[in-house]
C-alpha atoms as a PDB file:
ATOM      1  CA  MET A   1      45.353 -25.225   4.374  1.00  0.00           C
ATOM      2  CA  GLN A   2      43.527 -25.165   7.720  1.00  0.00           C
ATOM      3  CA  LYS A   3      44.775 -21.616   8.293  1.00  0.00           C
ATOM      4  CA  TYR A   4      43.241 -20.413   4.987  1.00  0.00           C
ATOM      5  CA  LEU A   5      39.916 -22.065   5.747  1.00  0.00           C
ATOM      6  CA  CYS A   6      39.857 -20.341   9.112  1.00  0.00           C
ATOM      7  CA  LEU A   7      40.652 -16.983   7.474  1.00  0.00           C
ATOM      8  CA  ASP A   8      37.921 -17.510   4.860  1.00  0.00           C
ATOM      9  CA  HIS A   9      35.457 -18.338   7.626  1.00  0.00           C
ATOM     10  CA  GLU A  10      36.479 -15.181   9.508  1.00  0.00           C
ATOM     11  CA  LEU A  11      36.044 -13.036   6.373  1.00  0.00           C
ATOM     12  CA  ILE A  12      32.590 -14.490   5.716  1.00  0.00           C
ATOM     13  CA  ASN A  13      31.561 -13.708   9.298  1.00  0.00           C
ATOM     14  CA  GLY A  14      33.151 -10.267   9.145  1.00  0.00           C
ATOM     15  CA  LYS A  15      35.755 -11.125  11.767  1.00  0.00           C
ATOM     16  CA  GLY A  16      38.748 -10.856   9.417  1.00  0.00           C
ATOM     17  CA  VAL A  17      38.144  -7.164   8.733  1.00  0.00           C
ATOM     18  CA  SER A  18      40.110  -4.745  10.882  1.00  0.00           C
ATOM     19  CA  ILE A  19      38.327  -2.660  13.525  1.00  0.00           C
ATOM     20  CA  PRO A  20      39.167   0.680  11.833  1.00  0.00           C
ATOM     21  CA  GLU A  21      37.674  -0.633   8.579  1.00  0.00           C
ATOM     22  CA  ILE A  22      34.580  -1.821  10.441  1.00  0.00           C
ATOM     23  CA  LYS A  23      34.203   1.569  12.116  1.00  0.00           C
ATOM     24  CA  THR A  24      34.535   3.305   8.746  1.00  0.00           C
ATOM     25  CA  ILE A  25      31.941   1.028   7.161  1.00  0.00           C
ATOM     26  CA  TYR A  26      29.676   1.400  10.173  1.00  0.00           C
ATOM     27  CA  GLN A  27      29.898   5.197  10.105  1.00  0.00           C
ATOM     28  CA  SER A  28      29.303   5.196   6.354  1.00  0.00           C
ATOM     29  CA  LEU A  29      26.167   3.102   6.832  1.00  0.00           C
ATOM     30  CA  LEU A  30      24.948   5.444   9.584  1.00  0.00           C
ATOM     31  CA  ASN A  31      25.497   8.450   7.319  1.00  0.00           C
ATOM     32  CA  GLU A  32      23.695   6.725   4.428  1.00  0.00           C
ATOM     33  CA  ASN A  33      20.826   5.824   6.757  1.00  0.00           C
ATOM     34  CA  GLU A  34      20.500   9.465   7.806  1.00  0.00           C
ATOM     35  CA  ARG A  35      20.623  10.636   4.161  1.00  0.00           C
ATOM     36  CA  ILE A  36      17.899   8.187   3.153  1.00  0.00           C
ATOM     37  CA  THR A  37      15.782   9.245   6.139  1.00  0.00           C
ATOM     38  CA  ASN A  38      15.986  12.841   4.893  1.00  0.00           C
ATOM     39  CA  GLU A  39      15.074  11.726   1.363  1.00  0.00           C
ATOM     40  CA  ILE A  40      12.083   9.829   2.776  1.00  0.00           C
ATOM     41  CA  VAL A  41      10.824  13.047   4.346  1.00  0.00           C
ATOM     42  CA  ASP A  42      11.302  14.859   1.022  1.00  0.00           C
ATOM     43  CA  SER A  43       9.480  12.159  -0.936  1.00  0.00           C
ATOM     44  CA  ILE A  44       6.550  12.287   1.499  1.00  0.00           C
ATOM     45  CA  GLU A  45       6.370  16.068   1.169  1.00  0.00           C
ATOM     46  CA  CYS A  46       6.427  15.723  -2.649  1.00  0.00           C
ATOM     47  CA  ASN A  47       3.837  12.896  -2.605  1.00  0.00           C
ATOM     48  CA  ASP A  48       6.283  10.702  -4.543  1.00  0.00           C
ATOM     49  CA  TYR A  49       5.177   7.312  -3.231  1.00  0.00           C
ATOM     50  CA  VAL A  50       7.095   5.267  -5.793  1.00  0.00           C
ATOM     51  CA  ARG A  51      10.341   6.889  -4.646  1.00  0.00           C
ATOM     52  CA  LEU A  52       9.204   6.470  -1.033  1.00  0.00           C
ATOM     53  CA  SER A  53       8.720   2.755  -1.564  1.00  0.00           C
ATOM     54  CA  HIS A  54      12.234   2.366  -3.019  1.00  0.00           C
ATOM     55  CA  LEU A  55      13.743   4.445  -0.212  1.00  0.00           C
ATOM     56  CA  LEU A  56      12.007   2.360   2.453  1.00  0.00           C
ATOM     57  CA  VAL A  57      13.442  -0.819   0.940  1.00  0.00           C
ATOM     58  CA  SER A  58      16.932   0.721   0.805  1.00  0.00           C
ATOM     59  CA  ARG A  59      16.690   1.994   4.359  1.00  0.00           C
ATOM     60  CA  SER A  60      15.554  -1.422   5.566  1.00  0.00           C
ATOM     61  CA  LYS A  61      18.601  -3.062   3.936  1.00  0.00           C
ATOM     62  CA  ILE A  62      20.958  -0.469   5.414  1.00  0.00           C
ATOM     63  CA  GLN A  63      19.423  -0.859   8.863  1.00  0.00           C
ATOM     64  CA  ASP A  64      19.796  -4.629   8.581  1.00  0.00           C
ATOM     65  CA  ALA A  65      23.489  -4.158   7.726  1.00  0.00           C
ATOM     66  CA  ILE A  66      23.929  -1.761  10.673  1.00  0.00           C
ATOM     67  CA  LYS A  67      22.281  -4.240  13.045  1.00  0.00           C
ATOM     68  CA  GLU A  68      24.436  -7.056  11.688  1.00  0.00           C
ATOM     69  CA  ILE A  69      27.634  -5.059  12.252  1.00  0.00           C
ATOM     70  CA  GLU A  70      26.438  -4.081  15.728  1.00  0.00           C
ATOM     71  CA  SER A  71      25.682  -7.691  16.629  1.00  0.00           C
ATOM     72  CA  LEU A  72      29.042  -8.964  15.313  1.00  0.00           C
ATOM     73  CA  HIS A  73      31.201  -6.153  16.693  1.00  0.00           C
ATOM     74  CA  GLU A  74      29.175  -4.822  19.571  1.00  0.00           C
ATOM     75  CA  ASP A  75      32.115  -4.747  21.969  1.00  0.00           C
ATOM     76  CA  GLU A  76      34.453  -2.912  19.595  1.00  0.00           C
ATOM     77  CA  LEU A  77      31.884  -0.346  18.449  1.00  0.00           C
ATOM     78  CA  ILE A  78      29.865   0.334  21.566  1.00  0.00           C
ATOM     79  CA  GLY A  79      32.576  -0.227  24.170  1.00  0.00           C
ATOM     80  CA  GLN A  80      34.490   2.847  22.976  1.00  0.00           C
ATOM     81  CA  MET A  81      31.445   5.153  22.824  1.00  0.00           C
ATOM     82  CA  PRO A  82      30.592   7.483  25.667  1.00  0.00           C
ATOM     83  CA  THR A  83      27.461   6.582  27.651  1.00  0.00           C
ATOM     84  CA  LYS A  84      25.588   9.629  26.376  1.00  0.00           C
ATOM     85  CA  GLU A  85      26.211   8.618  22.770  1.00  0.00           C
ATOM     86  CA  ARG A  86      25.170   5.010  23.487  1.00  0.00           C
ATOM     87  CA  VAL A  87      21.861   6.169  25.004  1.00  0.00           C
ATOM     88  CA  SER A  88      21.354   8.554  22.093  1.00  0.00           C
ATOM     89  CA  ARG A  89      22.035   5.774  19.577  1.00  0.00           C
ATOM     90  CA  LEU A  90      19.692   3.383  21.389  1.00  0.00           C
ATOM     91  CA  LEU A  91      16.866   5.945  21.381  1.00  0.00           C
ATOM     92  CA  ASN A  92      17.585   6.798  17.749  1.00  0.00           C
ATOM     93  CA  ASN A  93      17.470   3.114  16.736  1.00  0.00           C
ATOM     94  CA  ALA A  94      14.182   2.649  18.581  1.00  0.00           C
ATOM     95  CA  ALA A  95      12.696   5.705  16.867  1.00  0.00           C
ATOM     96  CA  GLU A  96      13.895   4.547  13.443  1.00  0.00           C
ATOM     97  CA  SER A  97      12.472   1.076  13.903  1.00  0.00           C
ATOM     98  CA  LEU A  98       9.122   2.570  14.986  1.00  0.00           C
ATOM     99  CA  GLU A  99       9.254   4.942  12.007  1.00  0.00           C
ATOM    100  CA  THR A 100       9.895   2.033   9.646  1.00  0.00           C
ATOM    101  CA  SER A 101       6.998   0.105  11.142  1.00  0.00           C
ATOM    102  CA  GLY A 102       4.797   3.199  10.906  1.00  0.00           C
ATOM    103  CA  ASP A 103       5.744   3.729   7.259  1.00  0.00           C
ATOM    104  CA  GLU A 104       4.973   0.109   6.457  1.00  0.00           C
ATOM    105  CA  VAL A 105       1.631   0.316   8.266  1.00  0.00           C
ATOM    106  CA  LEU A 106       0.851   3.546   6.411  1.00  0.00           C
ATOM    107  CA  LEU A 107       1.632   1.908   3.063  1.00  0.00           C
ATOM    108  CA  ASN A 108      -0.495  -1.126   3.962  1.00  0.00           C
ATOM    109  CA  VAL A 109      -3.404   1.090   5.018  1.00  0.00           C
ATOM    110  CA  SER A 110      -3.047   3.150   1.845  1.00  0.00           C
ATOM    111  CA  ASN A 111      -3.024   0.007  -0.331  1.00  0.00           C
ATOM    112  CA  SER A 112      -6.013  -1.428   1.538  1.00  0.00           C
ATOM    113  CA  LEU A 113      -7.973   1.797   1.114  1.00  0.00           C
ATOM    114  CA  GLU A 114      -7.142   1.834  -2.585  1.00  0.00           C
ATOM    115  CA  LYS A 115      -8.385  -1.758  -2.959  1.00  0.00           C
ATOM    116  CA  PHE A 116     -11.538  -0.907  -0.980  1.00  0.00           C
ATOM    117  CA  ASN A 117     -12.127   2.148  -3.165  1.00  0.00           C
ATOM    118  CA  HIS A 118     -11.738   0.023  -6.300  1.00  0.00           C
ATOM    119  CA  SER A 119     -14.153  -2.614  -4.942  1.00  0.00           C
ATOM    120  CA  ALA A 120     -16.694   0.027  -3.949  1.00  0.00           C
ATOM    121  CA  HIS A 121     -16.442   1.594  -7.405  1.00  0.00           C
ATOM    122  CA  SER A 122     -17.012  -1.805  -9.046  1.00  0.00           C
ATOM    123  CA  LEU A 123     -20.029  -2.503  -6.830  1.00  0.00           C
ATOM    124  CA  VAL A 124     -21.559   0.907  -7.552  1.00  0.00           C
ATOM    125  CA  THR A 125     -21.021   0.433 -11.290  1.00  0.00           C
ATOM    126  CA  LYS A 126     -22.663  -3.015 -11.209  1.00  0.00           C
ATOM    127  CA  THR A 127     -25.562  -1.675  -9.127  1.00  0.00           C
ATOM    128  CA  ILE A 128     -26.137   1.186 -11.569  1.00  0.00           C
ATOM    129  CA  ASN A 129     -26.045  -1.233 -14.532  1.00  0.00           C
ATOM    130  CA  ILE A 130     -28.582  -3.531 -12.865  1.00  0.00           C
ATOM    131  CA  SER A 131     -30.801  -0.552 -11.932  1.00  0.00           C
ATOM    132  CA  THR A 132     -30.647   0.799 -15.478  1.00  0.00           C
ATOM    133  CA  LYS A 133     -31.667  -2.591 -16.888  1.00  0.00           C
ATOM    134  CA  ALA A 134     -34.484  -2.891 -14.323  1.00  0.00           C
ATOM    135  CA  PHE A 135     -35.843   0.593 -15.127  1.00  0.00           C
ATOM    136  CA  SER A 136     -35.595  -0.108 -18.850  1.00  0.00           C
ATOM    137  CA  LYS A 137     -37.464  -3.394 -18.499  1.00  0.00           C
ATOM    138  CA  GLY A 138     -40.061  -1.670 -16.258  1.00  0.00           C
ATOM    139  CA  ASN A 139     -40.555   1.068 -18.845  1.00  0.00           C
ATOM    140  CA  GLN A 140     -40.966  -1.538 -21.604  1.00  0.00           C
ATOM    141  CA  LEU A 141     -43.568  -3.439 -19.562  1.00  0.00           C
ATOM    142  CA  ASN A 142     -45.362  -0.185 -18.685  1.00  0.00           C
ATOM    143  CA  HIS A 143     -45.429   0.798 -22.372  1.00  0.00           C
ATOM    144  CA  LYS A 144     -46.808  -2.617 -23.377  1.00  0.00           C
ATOM    145  CA  ALA A 145     -49.444  -2.462 -20.626  1.00  0.00           C
ATOM    146  CA  GLY A 146     -50.476   1.049 -21.704  1.00  0.00           C
ATOM    147  CA  LYS A 147     -50.647  -0.028 -25.343  1.00  0.00           C
ATOM    148  CA  TYR A 148     -52.715  -3.073 -24.399  1.00  0.00           C
ATOM    149  CA  LEU A 149     -55.111  -0.926 -22.316  1.00  0.00           C
ATOM    150  CA  VAL A 150     -55.523   1.623 -25.123  1.00  0.00           C
ATOM    151  CA  LYS A 151     -56.153  -1.195 -27.635  1.00  0.00           C
ATOM    152  CA  LYS A 152     -58.738  -2.894 -25.387  1.00  0.00           C
ATOM    153  CA  THR A 153     -60.400   0.423 -24.530  1.00  0.00           C
ATOM    154  CA  SER A 154     -60.525   1.333 -28.207  1.00  0.00           C
ATOM    155  CA  LYS A 155     -62.101  -2.023 -29.151  1.00  0.00           C
ATOM    156  CA  GLY A 156     -64.572  -1.709 -26.264  1.00  0.00           C
ATOM    157  CA  LEU A 157     -65.571   1.813 -27.308  1.00  0.00           C
ATOM    158  CA  SER A 158     -65.887   0.677 -30.917  1.00  0.00           C
ATOM    159  CA  LYS A 159     -68.213  -2.173 -29.893  1.00  0.00           C
ATOM    160  CA  LEU A 160     -70.220   0.204 -27.708  1.00  0.00           C
ATOM    161  CA  ALA A 161     -70.530   2.654 -30.604  1.00  0.00           C
ATOM    162  CA  ASP A 162     -71.664  -0.186 -32.901  1.00  0.00           C
ATOM    163  CA  ALA A 163     -74.194  -1.332 -30.309  1.00  0.00           C
ATOM    164  CA  ILE A 164     -75.598   2.195 -29.925  1.00  0.00           C
ATOM    165  CA  LYS A 165     -75.754   2.613 -33.692  1.00  0.00           C
ATOM    166  CA  ASP A 166     -77.598  -0.686 -34.112  1.00  0.00           C
ATOM    167  CA  LYS A 167     -80.239   0.369 -31.538  1.00  0.00           C
ATOM    168  CA  SER A 168     -80.912   3.682 -33.142  1.00  0.00           C
END
């Protein structure tokens, strides 16, 4: 019973899988990561940001799996690689992590600009509505004032005419 528990624990931690299987899985993940990176470039060129978002999530999961395998089986995977390939892989991983961060920053900036644009549009719309109401009210008051002045002037002229008529 103890032996089975130990084997289950090893399988959960990835230690019960043979090194050739791990290398195959690892290489498959690296290939998938490269394929998704190429698709990300295509989706950016096609301005397909929905697809880009899904690809970034997938690539992040694959990179997490690659890092997990590397941390669990670093000696088996890296120990057998030539130094040149190790340096190349290290530089590639650094570039990919910077690219992922850059993509995330770009998406955040794009979302922030979209929110700012929406807020600015709302503010301009409200300002125009308030200005329209203010001009309308000003025109109404101006019309009333003009009407009042014409009425008073007319009454004044009428009284003046009556006064002149009475004196003649």
